[in-house]
C-alpha atoms as a PDB file:
ATOM      1  CA  MET A   1     -32.511  22.740  29.839  1.00  0.00           C
ATOM      2  CA  SER A   2     -30.236  25.594  30.829  1.00  0.00           C
ATOM      3  CA  SER A   3     -29.562  26.330  35.088  1.00  0.00           C
ATOM      4  CA  ASP A   4     -30.273  29.675  34.694  1.00  0.00           C
ATOM      5  CA  PRO A   5     -32.964  30.486  37.156  1.00  0.00           C
ATOM      6  CA  ILE A   6     -35.854  32.436  34.589  1.00  0.00           C
ATOM      7  CA  THR A   7     -35.697  29.724  31.947  1.00  0.00           C
ATOM      8  CA  LEU A   8     -36.561  27.373  34.527  1.00  0.00           C
ATOM      9  CA  VAL A   9     -39.318  29.636  35.702  1.00  0.00           C
ATOM     10  CA  TYR A  10     -40.456  29.518  32.309  1.00  0.00           C
ATOM     11  CA  SER A  11     -40.591  25.198  32.405  1.00  0.00           C
ATOM     12  CA  ALA A  12     -42.048  25.113  35.361  1.00  0.00           C
ATOM     13  CA  ILE A  13     -44.927  27.013  34.322  1.00  0.00           C
ATOM     14  CA  TRP A  14     -45.134  25.063  31.208  1.00  0.00           C
ATOM     15  CA  THR A  15     -45.175  21.570  32.694  1.00  0.00           C
ATOM     16  CA  ALA A  16     -47.998  22.780  35.384  1.00  0.00           C
ATOM     17  CA  LEU A  17     -49.679  23.597  31.763  1.00  0.00           C
ATOM     18  CA  ASN A  18     -49.507  20.764  30.495  1.00  0.00           C
ATOM     19  CA  ASN A  19     -49.509  18.374  33.626  1.00  0.00           C
ATOM     20  CA  TRP A  20     -52.598  19.551  33.754  1.00  0.00           C
ATOM     21  CA  HIS A  21     -55.625  17.274  31.292  1.00  0.00           C
ATOM     22  CA  GLY A  22     -57.985  20.861  32.280  1.00  0.00           C
ATOM     23  CA  PHE A  23     -55.616  22.775  30.600  1.00  0.00           C
ATOM     24  CA  THR A  24     -54.381  20.015  28.069  1.00  0.00           C
ATOM     25  CA  ASP A  25     -57.828  19.273  26.662  1.00  0.00           C
ATOM     26  CA  LEU A  26     -58.714  22.629  25.454  1.00  0.00           C
ATOM     27  CA  VAL A  27     -55.413  23.632  23.493  1.00  0.00           C
ATOM     28  CA  ARG A  28     -54.653  21.506  20.439  1.00  0.00           C
ATOM     29  CA  VAL A  29     -51.181  23.415  20.110  1.00  0.00           C
ATOM     30  CA  LYS A  30     -48.630  24.698  22.963  1.00  0.00           C
ATOM     31  CA  VAL A  31     -45.709  26.307  21.689  1.00  0.00           C
ATOM     32  CA  ASP A  32     -42.434  25.927  24.115  1.00  0.00           C
ATOM     33  CA  LEU A  33     -40.063  28.732  22.818  1.00  0.00           C
ATOM     34  CA  THR A  34     -37.213  27.257  24.785  1.00  0.00           C
ATOM     35  CA  GLN A  35     -37.218  24.546  22.114  1.00  0.00           C
ATOM     36  CA  ALA A  36     -34.866  23.226  19.313  1.00  0.00           C
ATOM     37  CA  GLN A  37     -37.018  24.415  16.548  1.00  0.00           C
ATOM     38  CA  TYR A  38     -37.931  27.764  17.412  1.00  0.00           C
ATOM     39  CA  ALA A  39     -34.381  29.159  18.464  1.00  0.00           C
ATOM     40  CA  SER A  40     -34.677  31.605  14.982  1.00  0.00           C
ATOM     41  CA  VAL A  41     -37.564  33.699  14.583  1.00  0.00           C
ATOM     42  CA  GLU A  42     -38.729  32.206  11.032  1.00  0.00           C
ATOM     43  CA  ALA A  43     -39.322  29.142  12.919  1.00  0.00           C
ATOM     44  CA  PHE A  44     -41.976  30.581  14.603  1.00  0.00           C
ATOM     45  CA  LEU A  45     -44.011  32.586  12.337  1.00  0.00           C
ATOM     46  CA  PRO A  46     -46.039  30.902   9.894  1.00  0.00           C
ATOM     47  CA  THR A  47     -49.044  31.524   9.722  1.00  0.00           C
ATOM     48  CA  ALA A  48     -50.836  29.544  11.926  1.00  0.00           C
ATOM     49  CA  ARG A  49     -54.101  27.130   9.863  1.00  0.00           C
ATOM     50  CA  ASP A  50     -57.315  26.772  11.752  1.00  0.00           C
ATOM     51  CA  ALA A  51     -56.007  23.143  12.603  1.00  0.00           C
ATOM     52  CA  ASP A  52     -53.203  24.417  14.715  1.00  0.00           C
ATOM     53  CA  LEU A  53     -56.210  26.192  17.070  1.00  0.00           C
ATOM     54  CA  PRO A  54     -56.683  27.121  19.781  1.00  0.00           C
ATOM     55  CA  GLU A  55     -52.672  27.764  20.241  1.00  0.00           C
ATOM     56  CA  VAL A  56     -50.981  29.013  23.651  1.00  0.00           C
ATOM     57  CA  THR A  57     -47.632  30.248  23.312  1.00  0.00           C
ATOM     58  CA  LEU A  58     -46.087  31.914  26.820  1.00  0.00           C
ATOM     59  CA  LEU A  59     -43.953  35.076  26.329  1.00  0.00           C
ATOM     60  CA  GLU A  60     -41.409  36.368  28.732  1.00  0.00           C
ATOM     61  CA  GLY A  61     -42.517  40.026  29.515  1.00  0.00           C
ATOM     62  CA  GLN A  62     -41.123  42.394  31.726  1.00  0.00           C
ATOM     63  CA  TYR A  63     -38.983  41.991  34.353  1.00  0.00           C
ATOM     64  CA  THR A  64     -37.418  44.029  37.464  1.00  0.00           C
ATOM     65  CA  LEU A  65     -34.863  43.835  39.120  1.00  0.00           C
ATOM     66  CA  ALA A  66     -34.328  44.993  42.802  1.00  0.00           C
ATOM     67  CA  PRO A  67     -30.951  47.520  43.176  1.00  0.00           C
ATOM     68  CA  PHE A  68     -28.768  45.178  43.329  1.00  0.00           C
ATOM     69  CA  GLY A  69     -24.498  45.989  44.156  1.00  0.00           C
ATOM     70  CA  LYS A  70     -21.827  44.200  45.549  1.00  0.00           C
ATOM     71  CA  THR A  71     -22.412  44.200  49.005  1.00  0.00           C
ATOM     72  CA  SER A  72     -25.756  42.275  47.791  1.00  0.00           C
ATOM     73  CA  GLN A  73     -26.719  39.524  49.428  1.00  0.00           C
ATOM     74  CA  SER A  74     -29.486  38.250  47.137  1.00  0.00           C
ATOM     75  CA  ALA A  75     -31.214  39.225  43.697  1.00  0.00           C
ATOM     76  CA  ASP A  76     -34.905  40.114  43.770  1.00  0.00           C
ATOM     77  CA  ILE A  77     -36.215  39.500  40.409  1.00  0.00           C
ATOM     78  CA  GLN A  78     -39.837  39.838  39.036  1.00  0.00           C
ATOM     79  CA  GLN A  79     -40.633  38.453  36.153  1.00  0.00           C
ATOM     80  CA  GLU A  80     -43.670  39.040  33.797  1.00  0.00           C
ATOM     81  CA  PHE A  81     -44.859  35.612  31.843  1.00  0.00           C
ATOM     82  CA  ARG A  82     -46.833  36.411  29.006  1.00  0.00           C
ATOM     83  CA  LEU A  83     -49.535  33.233  28.555  1.00  0.00           C
ATOM     84  CA  VAL A  84     -51.213  34.160  24.621  1.00  0.00           C
ATOM     85  CA  CYS A  85     -53.967  32.007  23.584  1.00  0.00           C
ATOM     86  CA  ALA A  86     -54.650  32.367  19.974  1.00  0.00           C
ATOM     87  CA  THR A  87     -58.030  31.081  18.486  1.00  0.00           C
ATOM     88  CA  ASN A  88     -60.436  30.974  15.521  1.00  0.00           C
ATOM     89  CA  SER A  89     -63.590  31.846  17.409  1.00  0.00           C
ATOM     90  CA  LEU A  90     -65.503  34.615  18.579  1.00  0.00           C
ATOM     91  CA  GLN A  91     -66.575  32.102  21.065  1.00  0.00           C
ATOM     92  CA  VAL A  92     -66.098  33.377  25.121  1.00  0.00           C
ATOM     93  CA  VAL A  93     -66.627  29.959  26.675  1.00  0.00           C
ATOM     94  CA  PRO A  94     -64.044  27.950  25.452  1.00  0.00           C
ATOM     95  CA  ILE A  95     -61.439  31.217  26.770  1.00  0.00           C
ATOM     96  CA  ASN A  96     -63.166  30.981  29.620  1.00  0.00           C
ATOM     97  CA  ALA A  97     -62.536  28.014  30.542  1.00  0.00           C
ATOM     98  CA  LEU A  98     -58.924  27.725  29.145  1.00  0.00           C
ATOM     99  CA  LYS A  99     -58.421  30.531  31.987  1.00  0.00           C
ATOM    100  CA  TYR A 100     -60.145  29.036  34.756  1.00  0.00           C
ATOM    101  CA  HIS A 101     -57.908  25.593  33.887  1.00  0.00           C
ATOM    102  CA  VAL A 102     -54.862  27.490  33.852  1.00  0.00           C
ATOM    103  CA  LEU A 103     -55.902  29.085  37.067  1.00  0.00           C
ATOM    104  CA  VAL A 104     -56.209  25.822  38.361  1.00  0.00           C
ATOM    105  CA  ALA A 105     -52.759  23.753  36.681  1.00  0.00           C
ATOM    106  CA  LEU A 106     -51.043  26.917  38.879  1.00  0.00           C
ATOM    107  CA  LEU A 107     -52.454  25.838  41.906  1.00  0.00           C
ATOM    108  CA  LYS A 108     -51.641  22.715  41.792  1.00  0.00           C
ATOM    109  CA  ALA A 109     -47.985  23.721  40.915  1.00  0.00           C
ATOM    110  CA  GLY A 110     -47.937  23.981  44.321  1.00  0.00           C
ATOM    111  CA  ASP A 111     -46.487  28.082  45.847  1.00  0.00           C
ATOM    112  CA  ALA A 112     -43.123  27.882  44.679  1.00  0.00           C
ATOM    113  CA  LEU A 113     -45.033  26.324  41.257  1.00  0.00           C
ATOM    114  CA  GLY A 114     -42.592  22.957  42.774  1.00  0.00           C
ATOM    115  CA  LEU A 115     -39.079  25.363  42.907  1.00  0.00           C
ATOM    116  CA  GLU A 116     -38.930  25.928  46.162  1.00  0.00           C
ATOM    117  CA  GLY A 117     -35.857  28.057  47.258  1.00  0.00           C
ATOM    118  CA  LEU A 118     -36.386  29.981  43.886  1.00  0.00           C
ATOM    119  CA  VAL A 119     -39.616  30.979  43.552  1.00  0.00           C
ATOM    120  CA  HIS A 120     -41.158  32.841  46.208  1.00  0.00           C
ATOM    121  CA  ASP A 121     -44.328  34.196  44.772  1.00  0.00           C
ATOM    122  CA  TYR A 122     -46.023  34.264  41.979  1.00  0.00           C
ATOM    123  CA  SER A 123     -49.533  36.075  40.498  1.00  0.00           C
ATOM    124  CA  ILE A 124     -51.914  36.112  37.538  1.00  0.00           C
ATOM    125  CA  ALA A 125     -51.813  40.101  37.387  1.00  0.00           C
ATOM    126  CA  SER A 126     -53.556  41.227  34.741  1.00  0.00           C
ATOM    127  CA  GLY A 127     -55.336  40.015  31.040  1.00  0.00           C
ATOM    128  CA  ASN A 128     -57.043  40.735  28.174  1.00  0.00           C
ATOM    129  CA  ASP A 129     -59.602  39.004  26.079  1.00  0.00           C
ATOM    130  CA  ALA A 130     -59.224  40.825  22.177  1.00  0.00           C
ATOM    131  CA  THR A 131     -57.706  40.606  18.713  1.00  0.00           C
ATOM    132  CA  ALA A 132     -53.887  40.041  19.172  1.00  0.00           C
ATOM    133  CA  SER A 133     -53.258  43.432  17.628  1.00  0.00           C
ATOM    134  CA  MET A 134     -55.131  45.081  20.717  1.00  0.00           C
ATOM    135  CA  ALA A 135     -53.911  42.800  23.171  1.00  0.00           C
ATOM    136  CA  LEU A 136     -50.097  42.421  21.896  1.00  0.00           C
ATOM    137  CA  GLY A 137     -50.143  45.601  20.984  1.00  0.00           C
ATOM    138  CA  THR A 138     -48.598  43.734  17.151  1.00  0.00           C
ATOM    139  CA  GLU A 139     -50.381  44.158  14.556  1.00  0.00           C
ATOM    140  CA  ILE A 140     -50.509  39.932  13.561  1.00  0.00           C
ATOM    141  CA  LEU A 141     -49.871  36.744  15.515  1.00  0.00           C
ATOM    142  CA  ARG A 142     -47.966  34.067  13.275  1.00  0.00           C
ATOM    143  CA  GLY A 143     -49.870  35.385  10.463  1.00  0.00           C
ATOM    144  CA  VAL A 144     -52.747  36.715  10.840  1.00  0.00           C
ATOM    145  CA  ASP A 145     -54.813  39.282  13.360  1.00  0.00           C
ATOM    146  CA  ARG A 146     -56.887  35.986  15.641  1.00  0.00           C
ATOM    147  CA  TYR A 147     -58.525  36.531  18.677  1.00  0.00           C
ATOM    148  CA  CYS A 148     -56.415  35.795  21.793  1.00  0.00           C
ATOM    149  CA  SER A 149     -56.404  36.140  25.553  1.00  0.00           C
ATOM    150  CA  LEU A 150     -53.551  37.440  27.027  1.00  0.00           C
ATOM    151  CA  MET A 151     -52.631  36.462  30.848  1.00  0.00           C
ATOM    152  CA  SER A 152     -49.522  37.777  32.654  1.00  0.00           C
ATOM    153  CA  ILE A 153     -48.324  35.649  35.192  1.00  0.00           C
ATOM    154  CA  ASN A 154     -45.538  37.559  37.477  1.00  0.00           C
ATOM    155  CA  VAL A 155     -43.091  35.643  38.898  1.00  0.00           C
ATOM    156  CA  GLY A 156     -40.780  36.876  42.162  1.00  0.00           C
ATOM    157  CA  MET A 157     -37.807  35.170  42.656  1.00  0.00           C
ATOM    158  CA  TYR A 158     -34.946  35.433  45.329  1.00  0.00           C
ATOM    159  CA  LEU A 159     -31.530  34.418  44.323  1.00  0.00           C
ATOM    160  CA  ASP A 160     -28.747  34.340  47.360  1.00  0.00           C
ATOM    161  CA  ARG A 161     -25.006  35.255  46.447  1.00  0.00           C
ATOM    162  CA  ALA A 162     -23.790  31.943  46.450  1.00  0.00           C
ATOM    163  CA  ALA A 163     -26.573  30.541  44.220  1.00  0.00           C
ATOM    164  CA  LEU A 164     -25.604  33.230  41.975  1.00  0.00           C
ATOM    165  CA  LEU A 165     -22.423  32.165  41.872  1.00  0.00           C
ATOM    166  CA  SER A 166     -22.854  28.756  41.471  1.00  0.00           C
ATOM    167  CA  LEU A 167     -24.556  29.242  38.299  1.00  0.00           C
ATOM    168  CA  SER A 168     -21.410  31.228  36.364  1.00  0.00           C
END
């Protein structure tokens, strides 16, 4: 397990989702990109089969860093995590149920996602239900332009100067 704060938050989100049966009962395949088998893009790209769906992947998106310099006492990082659920069904009920259970799983993880002292805030900022090409701006998702739901989870982190130095 990495000790960098962004990977810790990524893992905390996965842990929260995997610890909630409402989420795990709905999703067949969960792709955790911190795992060694996904070290290369080629390992992730093979076409998803219908038996693999619905499939959930957590990707990192945009991040911002408040101005940080030699006199800064802390770093304020905002990281977007993009939770993508691909499915072979156009029915809205399973996608809506999944969105609901993501909310519950994150609430059960607590205000800091179990990372008190690091995470100061998180929010689900936006979402989009569409084909992968429309929601993600990409032509395909694992070989097929599947119907998917995209949920952006923004996480705010504070790292004080001593914590940053201890990571090196």
